[in-house]
Amino acid sequence: MEFGTTQFITPITAWEKLGEGTGQTAVRSSDEVELFSDVFRSVVDQVYTTQADVENKQYLLATGQLDNVHTLPIAEAKAALSVDILISLRNKALETYNELMKINV
């Protein structure tokens, strides 16, 4: 494997800020629900993707096909980080829901 021409570590890309790219200053409530569900779905998909990558690298390591052994701990760190983000998002959503339930109508 040539290290000069091949990039074997892919950097984590930054997420878009919420509401960016829509060109709207005021967002309707149905759009907000879709936006939240898209963000949540994206985070869940990221967890599945990173976990599948870890499992693939573990298989390759066990069968002796993994050339760059250090990519496994990097993939495991990415997977752990994506799970932490999902847990934080879930906790914040539950906290917000509980606060909304306390409001008297």
Protein backbone atom coordinates (compact mmCIF):
# COMPACT_ATOMS: atom_id res chain seq x y z
CA MET A 1 0.00 0.00 0.00
CA GLU A 2 1.39 3.40 -0.95
CA PHE A 3 1.00 5.95 1.81
CA GLY A 4 1.88 8.95 -0.35
CA THR A 5 -1.00 8.54 -2.79
CA THR A 6 -3.68 6.87 -0.70
CA GLN A 7 -5.55 8.58 2.07
CA PHE A 8 -6.59 5.82 4.44
CA ILE A 9 -7.95 8.01 7.26
CA THR A 10 -11.07 9.87 6.31
CA PRO A 11 -11.71 13.01 8.36
CA ILE A 12 -15.00 13.53 10.13
CA THR A 13 -17.01 16.12 8.24
CA ALA A 14 -18.78 18.94 10.01
CA TRP A 15 -22.55 18.83 10.25
CA GLU A 16 -24.60 21.60 8.74
CA LYS A 17 -26.12 24.05 11.16
CA LEU A 18 -29.84 23.55 11.63
CA GLY A 19 -31.86 25.51 9.12
CA GLU A 20 -28.87 26.37 6.94
CA GLY A 21 -29.39 26.22 3.24
CA THR A 22 -33.16 26.66 3.44
CA GLY A 23 -33.14 30.38 2.71
CA GLN A 24 -36.03 30.88 5.12
CA THR A 25 -35.90 33.04 8.22
CA ALA A 26 -39.16 31.82 9.72
CA VAL A 27 -39.70 28.08 9.81
CA ARG A 28 -43.14 26.57 10.19
CA SER A 29 -43.77 24.00 12.90
CA SER A 30 -44.19 21.10 10.45
CA ASP A 31 -40.83 22.01 8.92
CA GLU A 32 -39.30 22.02 12.40
CA VAL A 33 -40.66 18.54 13.08
CA GLU A 34 -39.26 17.30 9.78
CA LEU A 35 -35.95 18.99 10.53
CA PHE A 36 -35.71 17.34 13.95
CA SER A 37 -36.65 13.93 12.59
CA ASP A 38 -34.08 14.32 9.80
CA VAL A 39 -31.38 15.20 12.32
CA PHE A 40 -32.35 12.32 14.60
CA ARG A 41 -32.52 9.89 11.68
CA SER A 42 -29.13 11.11 10.46
CA VAL A 43 -27.57 10.48 13.88
CA VAL A 44 -29.09 6.99 14.09
CA ASP A 45 -27.84 6.21 10.57
CA GLN A 46 -24.39 7.44 11.57
CA VAL A 47 -24.39 5.03 14.53
CA TYR A 48 -25.32 2.12 12.26
CA THR A 49 -22.69 3.10 9.69
CA THR A 50 -19.87 3.49 12.17
CA GLN A 51 -20.75 0.24 13.94
CA ALA A 52 -20.82 -1.64 10.64
CA ASP A 53 -17.41 -0.19 9.81
CA VAL A 54 -16.03 -1.38 13.17
CA GLU A 55 -17.45 -4.87 12.66
CA ASN A 56 -15.98 -5.02 9.15
CA LYS A 57 -12.54 -3.95 10.37
CA GLN A 58 -12.71 -6.48 13.24
CA TYR A 59 -13.50 -9.23 10.74
CA LEU A 60 -10.65 -8.14 8.47
CA LEU A 61 -8.26 -8.06 11.44
CA ALA A 62 -9.34 -11.52 12.62
CA THR A 63 -8.83 -12.97 9.15
CA GLY A 64 -5.49 -11.21 8.65
CA GLN A 65 -6.71 -9.03 5.78
CA LEU A 66 -6.41 -5.66 7.54
CA ASP A 67 -3.29 -3.87 6.30
CA ASN A 68 -3.53 -0.83 8.56
CA VAL A 69 -4.15 -2.14 12.06
CA HIS A 70 -4.46 1.35 13.53
CA THR A 71 -7.67 1.97 11.57
CA LEU A 72 -9.59 -0.33 13.93
CA PRO A 73 -9.13 1.82 17.08
CA ILE A 74 -9.92 4.92 15.00
CA ALA A 75 -13.14 3.32 13.77
CA GLU A 76 -14.00 2.27 17.33
CA ALA A 77 -13.47 5.83 18.56
CA LYS A 78 -15.72 7.18 15.79
CA ALA A 79 -18.40 4.63 16.71
CA ALA A 80 -18.19 5.52 20.40
CA LEU A 81 -18.43 9.21 19.58
CA SER A 82 -21.49 8.70 17.38
CA VAL A 83 -23.20 6.71 20.16
CA ASP A 84 -22.37 9.49 22.64
CA ILE A 85 -23.91 12.06 20.31
CA LEU A 86 -27.04 9.93 19.93
CA ILE A 87 -27.36 9.55 23.71
CA SER A 88 -26.91 13.29 24.22
CA LEU A 89 -29.55 14.06 21.60
CA ARG A 90 -31.95 11.59 23.18
CA ASN A 91 -31.39 13.00 26.66
CA LYS A 92 -31.89 16.56 25.45
CA ALA A 93 -35.10 15.59 23.64
CA LEU A 94 -36.46 13.86 26.75
CA GLU A 95 -35.49 16.82 28.92
CA THR A 96 -37.28 19.19 26.55
CA TYR A 97 -40.36 16.96 26.45
CA ASN A 98 -40.50 16.85 30.26
CA GLU A 99 -40.22 20.65 30.41
CA LEU A 100 -43.08 20.99 27.92
CA MET A 101 -45.23 18.67 30.03
CA LYS A 102 -44.75 20.97 33.03
CA ILE A 103 -46.22 23.96 31.19
CA ASN A 104 -49.78 24.81 32.22
CA VAL A 105 -52.08 25.50 29.30
